[in-house]
Amino acid sequence: MPEVAPHRLPDLLRPNLLLVFVGTAASTRSAEVGHYYAHPGNRFWRAIHEAGITPRRYQPGEFAALIELGIRFTDLSKSGTGMDYQIATETIDVPGFRAKIEKYRPRAIAFTSKKAASLFYGRPSSGIALGRQPRDAGLPEVFVLPSPSGAASGHWTLEPWRELAAWIAA
């Protein structure tokens, strides 16, 4: 029996977006159902509402509806699935992600974990601060948010999400 390739979550990117949320890769649950941040223990949908990024609490199956707010999603690995430590290094495509950002030019990108940001910047997670990052002329505004995964609850804070919401509102 041939091996089935993991489900890829669609980017649905387009020009002139306000914000693109960037994860490392789809969780096993998200890959199974085809929705971003779909695990019941994931805080993503609650966080973006409580922080003031969205006017109501959306459900994972409504991720495509956030286009109304100028928000879309992608991952650094479009073929890997699971928790960050389970993602095969060879599936991480930082150059491909950079090409998407250059093509679509969103106003901001927000990494939904320090791990995703560390892969993008090529430096250890410990050297990356949460929140708005120093400006890089070649990039949109960059925010690093604490992982909303239930597995990362020991490092959870809503403050960087609120900082992103304040930047959006400004």
C-alpha atoms as a PDB file:
ATOM      1  CA  MET A   1       0.000   0.000   0.000  1.00  0.00           C
ATOM      2  CA  PRO A   2       1.523   3.411  -0.956  1.00  0.00           C
ATOM      3  CA  GLU A   3       2.310   5.859   1.814  1.00  0.00           C
ATOM      4  CA  VAL A   4      -0.116   8.778   1.894  1.00  0.00           C
ATOM      5  CA  ALA A   5       1.448  12.243   2.014  1.00  0.00           C
ATOM      6  CA  PRO A   6       0.434  14.288   5.066  1.00  0.00           C
ATOM      7  CA  HIS A   7      -2.428  16.702   4.529  1.00  0.00           C
ATOM      8  CA  ARG A   8      -1.235  20.225   3.850  1.00  0.00           C
ATOM      9  CA  LEU A   9      -3.175  23.111   5.278  1.00  0.00           C
ATOM     10  CA  PRO A  10      -3.890  25.687   2.576  1.00  0.00           C
ATOM     11  CA  ASP A  11      -2.166  29.066   2.782  1.00  0.00           C
ATOM     12  CA  LEU A  12      -4.853  31.003   0.918  1.00  0.00           C
ATOM     13  CA  LEU A  13      -2.408  33.931   0.811  1.00  0.00           C
ATOM     14  CA  ARG A  14      -2.991  36.993  -1.322  1.00  0.00           C
ATOM     15  CA  PRO A  15      -1.470  40.448  -1.745  1.00  0.00           C
ATOM     16  CA  ASN A  16      -1.943  43.278   0.757  1.00  0.00           C
ATOM     17  CA  LEU A  17      -2.924  41.259   3.804  1.00  0.00           C
ATOM     18  CA  LEU A  18      -2.832  42.925   7.182  1.00  0.00           C
ATOM     19  CA  LEU A  19      -1.413  39.909   8.996  1.00  0.00           C
ATOM     20  CA  VAL A  20      -0.161  36.389   8.400  1.00  0.00           C
ATOM     21  CA  PHE A  21       0.071  34.010  11.366  1.00  0.00           C
ATOM     22  CA  VAL A  22       3.024  31.637  10.933  1.00  0.00           C
ATOM     23  CA  GLY A  23       3.365  28.314  12.701  1.00  0.00           C
ATOM     24  CA  THR A  24       6.077  25.684  12.526  1.00  0.00           C
ATOM     25  CA  ALA A  25       3.786  23.005  11.048  1.00  0.00           C
ATOM     26  CA  ALA A  26       0.245  21.715  11.380  1.00  0.00           C
ATOM     27  CA  SER A  27      -0.527  19.782  14.520  1.00  0.00           C
ATOM     28  CA  THR A  28      -1.648  16.206  14.012  1.00  0.00           C
ATOM     29  CA  ARG A  29      -5.245  17.270  14.765  1.00  0.00           C
ATOM     30  CA  SER A  30      -5.092  20.247  12.382  1.00  0.00           C
ATOM     31  CA  ALA A  31      -3.736  18.018   9.616  1.00  0.00           C
ATOM     32  CA  GLU A  32      -6.524  15.487  10.246  1.00  0.00           C
ATOM     33  CA  VAL A  33      -9.358  18.013  10.011  1.00  0.00           C
ATOM     34  CA  GLY A  34      -7.778  20.561   7.654  1.00  0.00           C
ATOM     35  CA  HIS A  35      -8.144  23.565   9.983  1.00  0.00           C
ATOM     36  CA  TYR A  36      -5.473  25.723  11.590  1.00  0.00           C
ATOM     37  CA  TYR A  37      -5.073  25.492  15.395  1.00  0.00           C
ATOM     38  CA  ALA A  38      -7.752  22.781  15.602  1.00  0.00           C
ATOM     39  CA  HIS A  39      -6.719  20.887  18.737  1.00  0.00           C
ATOM     40  CA  PRO A  40      -9.278  21.526  21.512  1.00  0.00           C
ATOM     41  CA  GLY A  41      -6.449  22.394  23.940  1.00  0.00           C
ATOM     42  CA  ASN A  42      -4.982  25.058  21.654  1.00  0.00           C
ATOM     43  CA  ARG A  43      -5.549  28.626  22.884  1.00  0.00           C
ATOM     44  CA  PHE A  44      -5.161  30.332  19.484  1.00  0.00           C
ATOM     45  CA  TRP A  45      -8.816  31.138  18.736  1.00  0.00           C
ATOM     46  CA  ARG A  46      -9.512  32.272  22.292  1.00  0.00           C
ATOM     47  CA  ALA A  47      -6.309  34.361  22.362  1.00  0.00           C
ATOM     48  CA  ILE A  48      -6.945  36.319  19.178  1.00  0.00           C
ATOM     49  CA  HIS A  49     -10.401  37.230  20.449  1.00  0.00           C
ATOM     50  CA  GLU A  50      -9.389  38.020  24.055  1.00  0.00           C
ATOM     51  CA  ALA A  51      -6.451  40.121  22.823  1.00  0.00           C
ATOM     52  CA  GLY A  52      -8.760  42.147  20.565  1.00  0.00           C
ATOM     53  CA  ILE A  53      -7.436  40.956  17.196  1.00  0.00           C
ATOM     54  CA  THR A  54     -10.859  39.593  16.192  1.00  0.00           C
ATOM     55  CA  PRO A  55     -14.289  40.985  17.114  1.00  0.00           C
ATOM     56  CA  ARG A  56     -15.610  37.550  18.100  1.00  0.00           C
ATOM     57  CA  ARG A  57     -14.314  34.102  18.897  1.00  0.00           C
ATOM     58  CA  TYR A  58     -13.954  32.159  15.673  1.00  0.00           C
ATOM     59  CA  GLN A  59     -13.821  28.368  15.511  1.00  0.00           C
ATOM     60  CA  PRO A  60     -10.988  26.478  13.755  1.00  0.00           C
ATOM     61  CA  GLY A  61     -13.248  25.567  10.839  1.00  0.00           C
ATOM     62  CA  GLU A  62     -13.788  29.280  10.194  1.00  0.00           C
ATOM     63  CA  PHE A  63     -10.114  30.077   9.560  1.00  0.00           C
ATOM     64  CA  ALA A  64     -10.826  31.077   5.936  1.00  0.00           C
ATOM     65  CA  ALA A  65     -13.355  33.686   7.157  1.00  0.00           C
ATOM     66  CA  LEU A  66     -10.555  35.739   8.709  1.00  0.00           C
ATOM     67  CA  ILE A  67      -9.815  37.070   5.226  1.00  0.00           C
ATOM     68  CA  GLU A  68     -12.573  39.593   6.039  1.00  0.00           C
ATOM     69  CA  LEU A  69     -10.133  41.005   8.604  1.00  0.00           C
ATOM     70  CA  GLY A  70      -7.111  40.775   6.268  1.00  0.00           C
ATOM     71  CA  ILE A  71      -5.712  37.774   8.182  1.00  0.00           C
ATOM     72  CA  ARG A  72      -4.310  34.550   6.760  1.00  0.00           C
ATOM     73  CA  PHE A  73      -2.179  31.587   7.891  1.00  0.00           C
ATOM     74  CA  THR A  74       0.847  29.562   6.841  1.00  0.00           C
ATOM     75  CA  ASP A  75       3.490  27.256   8.303  1.00  0.00           C
ATOM     76  CA  LEU A  76       7.235  26.934   7.783  1.00  0.00           C
ATOM     77  CA  SER A  77       6.676  23.247   7.028  1.00  0.00           C
ATOM     78  CA  LYS A  78       3.800  22.504   4.708  1.00  0.00           C
ATOM     79  CA  SER A  79       4.395  18.733   4.756  1.00  0.00           C
ATOM     80  CA  GLY A  80       5.390  17.981   8.368  1.00  0.00           C
ATOM     81  CA  THR A  81       2.821  17.459  11.111  1.00  0.00           C
ATOM     82  CA  GLY A  82       2.907  17.085  14.868  1.00  0.00           C
ATOM     83  CA  MET A  83       4.510  18.928  17.739  1.00  0.00           C
ATOM     84  CA  ASP A  84       7.526  21.116  17.010  1.00  0.00           C
ATOM     85  CA  TYR A  85      10.040  18.510  18.172  1.00  0.00           C
ATOM     86  CA  GLN A  86       8.456  15.949  15.807  1.00  0.00           C
ATOM     87  CA  ILE A  87       8.862  18.051  12.655  1.00  0.00           C
ATOM     88  CA  ALA A  88      11.621  16.755  10.389  1.00  0.00           C
ATOM     89  CA  THR A  89      14.209  19.454   9.717  1.00  0.00           C
ATOM     90  CA  GLU A  90      14.183  18.736   6.000  1.00  0.00           C
ATOM     91  CA  THR A  91      10.498  19.709   5.803  1.00  0.00           C
ATOM     92  CA  ILE A  92      11.171  23.233   7.104  1.00  0.00           C
ATOM     93  CA  ASP A  93      11.190  25.620   4.141  1.00  0.00           C
ATOM     94  CA  VAL A  94      12.360  29.050   5.310  1.00  0.00           C
ATOM     95  CA  PRO A  95      13.374  30.170   1.775  1.00  0.00           C
ATOM     96  CA  GLY A  96       9.913  29.172   0.510  1.00  0.00           C
ATOM     97  CA  PHE A  97       8.278  31.106   3.337  1.00  0.00           C
ATOM     98  CA  ARG A  98      10.434  34.179   2.618  1.00  0.00           C
ATOM     99  CA  ALA A  99       9.421  33.970  -1.042  1.00  0.00           C
ATOM    100  CA  LYS A 100       5.736  33.982  -0.023  1.00  0.00           C
ATOM    101  CA  ILE A 101       6.283  37.045   2.151  1.00  0.00           C
ATOM    102  CA  GLU A 102       8.129  38.849  -0.661  1.00  0.00           C
ATOM    103  CA  LYS A 103       5.402  37.931  -3.149  1.00  0.00           C
ATOM    104  CA  TYR A 104       2.375  38.841  -1.021  1.00  0.00           C
ATOM    105  CA  ARG A 105       3.882  41.570   1.190  1.00  0.00           C
ATOM    106  CA  PRO A 106       1.612  41.462   4.255  1.00  0.00           C
ATOM    107  CA  ARG A 107       1.864  44.411   6.633  1.00  0.00           C
ATOM    108  CA  ALA A 108       2.846  42.055   9.478  1.00  0.00           C
ATOM    109  CA  ILE A 109       3.731  38.457  10.227  1.00  0.00           C
ATOM    110  CA  ALA A 110       3.260  36.852  13.634  1.00  0.00           C
ATOM    111  CA  PHE A 111       5.079  33.652  14.528  1.00  0.00           C
ATOM    112  CA  THR A 112       2.903  31.589  16.844  1.00  0.00           C
ATOM    113  CA  SER A 113       5.879  30.131  18.689  1.00  0.00           C
ATOM    114  CA  LYS A 114       9.463  31.001  19.513  1.00  0.00           C
ATOM    115  CA  LYS A 115      10.424  27.768  17.717  1.00  0.00           C
ATOM    116  CA  ALA A 116       8.988  29.020  14.411  1.00  0.00           C
ATOM    117  CA  ALA A 117      10.749  32.360  14.883  1.00  0.00           C
ATOM    118  CA  SER A 118      14.049  30.634  15.730  1.00  0.00           C
ATOM    119  CA  LEU A 119      13.853  28.567  12.543  1.00  0.00           C
ATOM    120  CA  PHE A 120      13.127  31.718  10.528  1.00  0.00           C
ATOM    121  CA  TYR A 121      15.918  33.774  12.108  1.00  0.00           C
ATOM    122  CA  GLY A 122      18.362  30.862  12.327  1.00  0.00           C
ATOM    123  CA  ARG A 123      19.150  31.367  16.000  1.00  0.00           C
ATOM    124  CA  PRO A 124      18.168  29.630  19.251  1.00  0.00           C
ATOM    125  CA  SER A 125      14.735  30.221  20.752  1.00  0.00           C
ATOM    126  CA  SER A 126      16.409  31.430  23.941  1.00  0.00           C
ATOM    127  CA  GLY A 127      17.802  34.420  22.025  1.00  0.00           C
ATOM    128  CA  ILE A 128      14.404  35.539  20.745  1.00  0.00           C
ATOM    129  CA  ALA A 129      12.143  37.824  22.759  1.00  0.00           C
ATOM    130  CA  LEU A 130       8.373  37.688  22.632  1.00  0.00           C
ATOM    131  CA  GLY A 131       6.509  40.608  21.100  1.00  0.00           C
ATOM    132  CA  ARG A 132       7.346  43.033  18.323  1.00  0.00           C
ATOM    133  CA  GLN A 133      10.765  42.448  16.827  1.00  0.00           C
ATOM    134  CA  PRO A 134      13.350  45.058  15.809  1.00  0.00           C
ATOM    135  CA  ARG A 135      12.521  46.415  12.356  1.00  0.00           C
ATOM    136  CA  ASP A 136      14.217  44.784   9.369  1.00  0.00           C
ATOM    137  CA  ALA A 137      13.852  46.871   6.202  1.00  0.00           C
ATOM    138  CA  GLY A 138      13.390  43.755   4.047  1.00  0.00           C
ATOM    139  CA  LEU A 139      10.486  42.389   6.080  1.00  0.00           C
ATOM    140  CA  PRO A 140       7.033  43.424   7.213  1.00  0.00           C
ATOM    141  CA  GLU A 141       6.519  44.078  10.925  1.00  0.00           C
ATOM    142  CA  VAL A 142       7.360  40.882  12.810  1.00  0.00           C
ATOM    143  CA  PHE A 143       5.824  39.691  16.066  1.00  0.00           C
ATOM    144  CA  VAL A 144       6.747  36.587  18.061  1.00  0.00           C
ATOM    145  CA  LEU A 145       3.919  35.172  20.134  1.00  0.00           C
ATOM    146  CA  PRO A 146       4.019  32.470  22.790  1.00  0.00           C
ATOM    147  CA  SER A 147       2.808  29.146  21.485  1.00  0.00           C
ATOM    148  CA  PRO A 148      -0.933  28.716  22.026  1.00  0.00           C
ATOM    149  CA  SER A 149      -0.453  24.931  22.195  1.00  0.00           C
ATOM    150  CA  GLY A 150      -1.655  23.305  25.375  1.00  0.00           C
ATOM    151  CA  ALA A 151       1.751  21.578  25.540  1.00  0.00           C
ATOM    152  CA  ALA A 152       3.396  24.985  26.013  1.00  0.00           C
ATOM    153  CA  SER A 153       1.184  26.206  28.865  1.00  0.00           C
ATOM    154  CA  GLY A 154       4.123  26.854  31.167  1.00  0.00           C
ATOM    155  CA  HIS A 155       5.209  29.743  28.928  1.00  0.00           C
ATOM    156  CA  TRP A 156       1.784  31.192  28.200  1.00  0.00           C
ATOM    157  CA  THR A 157       1.035  34.900  28.385  1.00  0.00           C
ATOM    158  CA  LEU A 158      -1.540  36.942  26.477  1.00  0.00           C
ATOM    159  CA  GLU A 159       0.545  40.156  26.583  1.00  0.00           C
ATOM    160  CA  PRO A 160       2.411  39.716  23.240  1.00  0.00           C
ATOM    161  CA  TRP A 161      -0.948  38.960  21.582  1.00  0.00           C
ATOM    162  CA  ARG A 162      -2.293  42.214  23.054  1.00  0.00           C
ATOM    163  CA  GLU A 163       0.777  44.054  21.737  1.00  0.00           C
ATOM    164  CA  LEU A 164      -0.061  42.755  18.254  1.00  0.00           C
ATOM    165  CA  ALA A 165      -3.689  43.851  18.665  1.00  0.00           C
ATOM    166  CA  ALA A 166      -2.563  47.349  19.704  1.00  0.00           C
ATOM    167  CA  TRP A 167      -0.313  47.590  16.634  1.00  0.00           C
ATOM    168  CA  ILE A 168      -3.242  46.535  14.402  1.00  0.00           C
ATOM    169  CA  ALA A 169      -5.504  49.142  16.004  1.00  0.00           C
ATOM    170  CA  ALA A 170      -2.950  51.969  15.650  1.00  0.00           C
END
